[in-house]
Structure formats: structure tokens, C-alpha cells
Amino acid sequence: MDTAAAAMDTQSFAKYDRRHGRYRVLLSAHLDTPFGASSGVLLDISEGGALVSCPTPIETGTSIVITRGSLRTRGTVVRAEGRRLGVAFDAPIPADLVAAVVTPLARWSD
């Protein structure tokens, strides 16, 4: 996971005083919301949450399920800025699951 660590977005980690470092990715994902299913794009991910772009606005406090490959986790929208959603996972996901999502092809950097 050393190469993935290089892609960690340390600036946003410090800005939001997060417990887990975030890894910037660009991956399609499936979102299940109380309003129905939607497609989305994972923009970053950590053991504790994710930043997701979604074509449908979703309000803060909404519970959603994010699915991408072997990742399927429930979380709550804690920040909504236009189409970007900050999602805090209801329970942290294992580091090896984050590593499975953060592949070299999935990562992007500045």
C-alpha cells in the first residue's frame, strides 16, 4: 500500500481533522438512497468515509449505501456541496478493503 499512500490527500486530511487519510480516486459507484438507486463517482475514500459525486442532490443527514466491487457500505451524508457529497461511513471499513478499491489505475493526483 506504499504507492497508494503517496496519493493520500494530506491537505484535506488536515483541513477536516479526519481520523483516516483519504486516497483520491476516480471510480464509478452505485448509490442506494431512500429516493432510489443512482450512479455516482467516488472521488476519494478512506476507512471512515468518502467523497462522492452524484447527479441527484442528496441532503445532509440522508443515509445511503455505496457499492463499488467488493465494497458495500452504509453511510450518512455529512456534507453536501452541489453534486459532491461527503459521506461518513456508519462503521469504519477495513484497510485491506480500502486498498482493494485504491488500485494504481483508480488513483489520481494533482
Protein backbone atom coordinates (compact mmCIF):
# COMPACT_ATOMS: atom_id res chain seq x y z
CA MET A 1 0.00 0.00 0.00
CA ASP A 2 3.05 2.29 -0.15
CA THR A 3 2.18 3.59 -3.62
CA ALA A 4 -1.38 4.31 -2.52
CA ALA A 5 -0.04 6.23 0.46
CA ALA A 6 1.69 8.59 -1.96
CA ALA A 7 -1.73 9.53 -3.35
CA MET A 8 -3.17 10.33 0.06
CA ASP A 9 -4.78 13.74 0.10
CA THR A 10 -2.93 15.04 3.15
CA GLN A 11 -4.16 18.58 2.67
CA SER A 12 -7.84 17.68 3.09
CA PHE A 13 -6.89 15.27 5.89
CA ALA A 14 -5.54 18.17 7.91
CA LYS A 15 -8.30 20.59 6.86
CA TYR A 16 -11.12 18.43 8.24
CA ASP A 17 -9.16 16.84 11.13
CA ARG A 18 -10.03 13.36 9.89
CA ARG A 19 -9.09 10.15 11.69
CA HIS A 20 -8.17 8.35 8.46
CA GLY A 21 -6.12 9.52 5.49
CA ARG A 22 -8.07 9.78 2.26
CA TYR A 23 -7.00 8.40 -1.09
CA ARG A 24 -8.04 10.26 -4.20
CA VAL A 25 -9.65 8.03 -6.80
CA LEU A 26 -11.93 8.35 -9.79
CA LEU A 27 -14.28 5.35 -9.86
CA SER A 28 -17.88 4.71 -10.78
CA ALA A 29 -20.08 3.55 -7.90
CA HIS A 30 -23.68 2.56 -7.26
CA LEU A 31 -25.63 4.53 -4.66
CA ASP A 32 -28.79 3.35 -2.92
CA THR A 33 -30.73 6.16 -1.30
CA PRO A 34 -34.19 6.46 0.27
CA PHE A 35 -35.21 8.08 -3.03
CA GLY A 36 -33.99 5.20 -5.23
CA ALA A 37 -30.84 3.99 -6.90
CA SER A 38 -28.36 6.28 -8.60
CA SER A 39 -24.96 6.14 -10.21
CA GLY A 40 -22.12 8.15 -8.75
CA VAL A 41 -18.38 8.65 -8.84
CA LEU A 42 -16.07 8.01 -5.88
CA LEU A 43 -13.66 10.95 -5.73
CA ASP A 44 -11.87 9.90 -2.57
CA ILE A 45 -12.12 7.20 0.05
CA SER A 46 -10.79 6.32 3.48
CA GLU A 47 -11.60 3.82 6.18
CA GLY A 48 -14.08 6.29 7.63
CA GLY A 49 -15.79 7.87 4.64
CA ALA A 50 -15.80 9.00 1.05
CA LEU A 51 -16.36 11.96 -1.23
CA VAL A 52 -18.89 11.09 -3.92
CA SER A 53 -20.18 12.98 -6.93
CA CYS A 54 -23.84 12.26 -7.58
CA PRO A 55 -26.11 13.64 -10.34
CA THR A 56 -29.02 13.90 -7.90
CA PRO A 57 -28.80 16.32 -4.95
CA ILE A 58 -28.99 14.49 -1.61
CA GLU A 59 -29.50 16.33 1.66
CA THR A 60 -27.21 16.25 4.68
CA GLY A 61 -28.33 13.57 7.13
CA THR A 62 -29.50 11.14 4.44
CA SER A 63 -28.45 7.50 4.84
CA ILE A 64 -27.02 5.91 1.68
CA VAL A 65 -25.33 2.67 0.64
CA ILE A 66 -22.25 2.87 -1.61
CA THR A 67 -21.30 -0.15 -3.72
CA ARG A 68 -18.14 -0.50 -5.80
CA GLY A 69 -16.81 -4.00 -6.50
CA SER A 70 -16.21 -5.72 -3.16
CA LEU A 71 -17.05 -2.50 -1.30
CA ARG A 72 -20.61 -2.23 0.02
CA THR A 73 -21.05 0.07 2.98
CA ARG A 74 -23.70 2.25 4.56
CA GLY A 75 -23.01 5.84 5.47
CA THR A 76 -24.57 9.20 6.18
CA VAL A 77 -24.23 12.34 4.08
CA VAL A 78 -22.47 14.78 6.41
CA ARG A 79 -21.68 17.44 3.81
CA ALA A 80 -23.49 18.32 0.59
CA GLU A 81 -21.99 20.89 -1.76
CA GLY A 82 -23.85 20.85 -5.06
CA ARG A 83 -23.33 17.39 -6.52
CA ARG A 84 -20.50 16.50 -4.14
CA LEU A 85 -21.36 14.54 -1.05
CA GLY A 86 -19.16 13.98 1.98
CA VAL A 87 -20.20 10.60 3.39
CA ALA A 88 -19.21 9.30 6.83
CA PHE A 89 -19.42 5.51 6.97
CA ASP A 90 -21.59 4.13 9.77
CA ALA A 91 -18.70 1.79 10.69
CA PRO A 92 -15.09 2.04 9.51
CA ILE A 93 -14.18 -0.28 6.65
CA PRO A 94 -11.04 -2.43 6.88
CA ALA A 95 -7.79 -1.03 5.47
CA ASP A 96 -7.47 -4.02 3.13
CA LEU A 97 -10.85 -3.16 1.59
CA VAL A 98 -9.69 0.42 1.03
CA ALA A 99 -6.54 -0.99 -0.59
CA ALA A 100 -8.68 -3.16 -2.88
CA VAL A 101 -10.53 -0.06 -4.08
CA VAL A 102 -7.43 2.15 -4.33
CA THR A 103 -5.68 0.44 -7.22
CA PRO A 104 -2.95 2.16 -9.25
CA LEU A 105 -5.39 2.74 -12.13
CA ALA A 106 -8.04 4.18 -9.78
CA ARG A 107 -5.72 6.78 -8.21
CA TRP A 108 -5.29 10.29 -9.49
CA SER A 109 -3.23 13.19 -8.30
CA ASP A 110 -2.78 16.91 -8.90
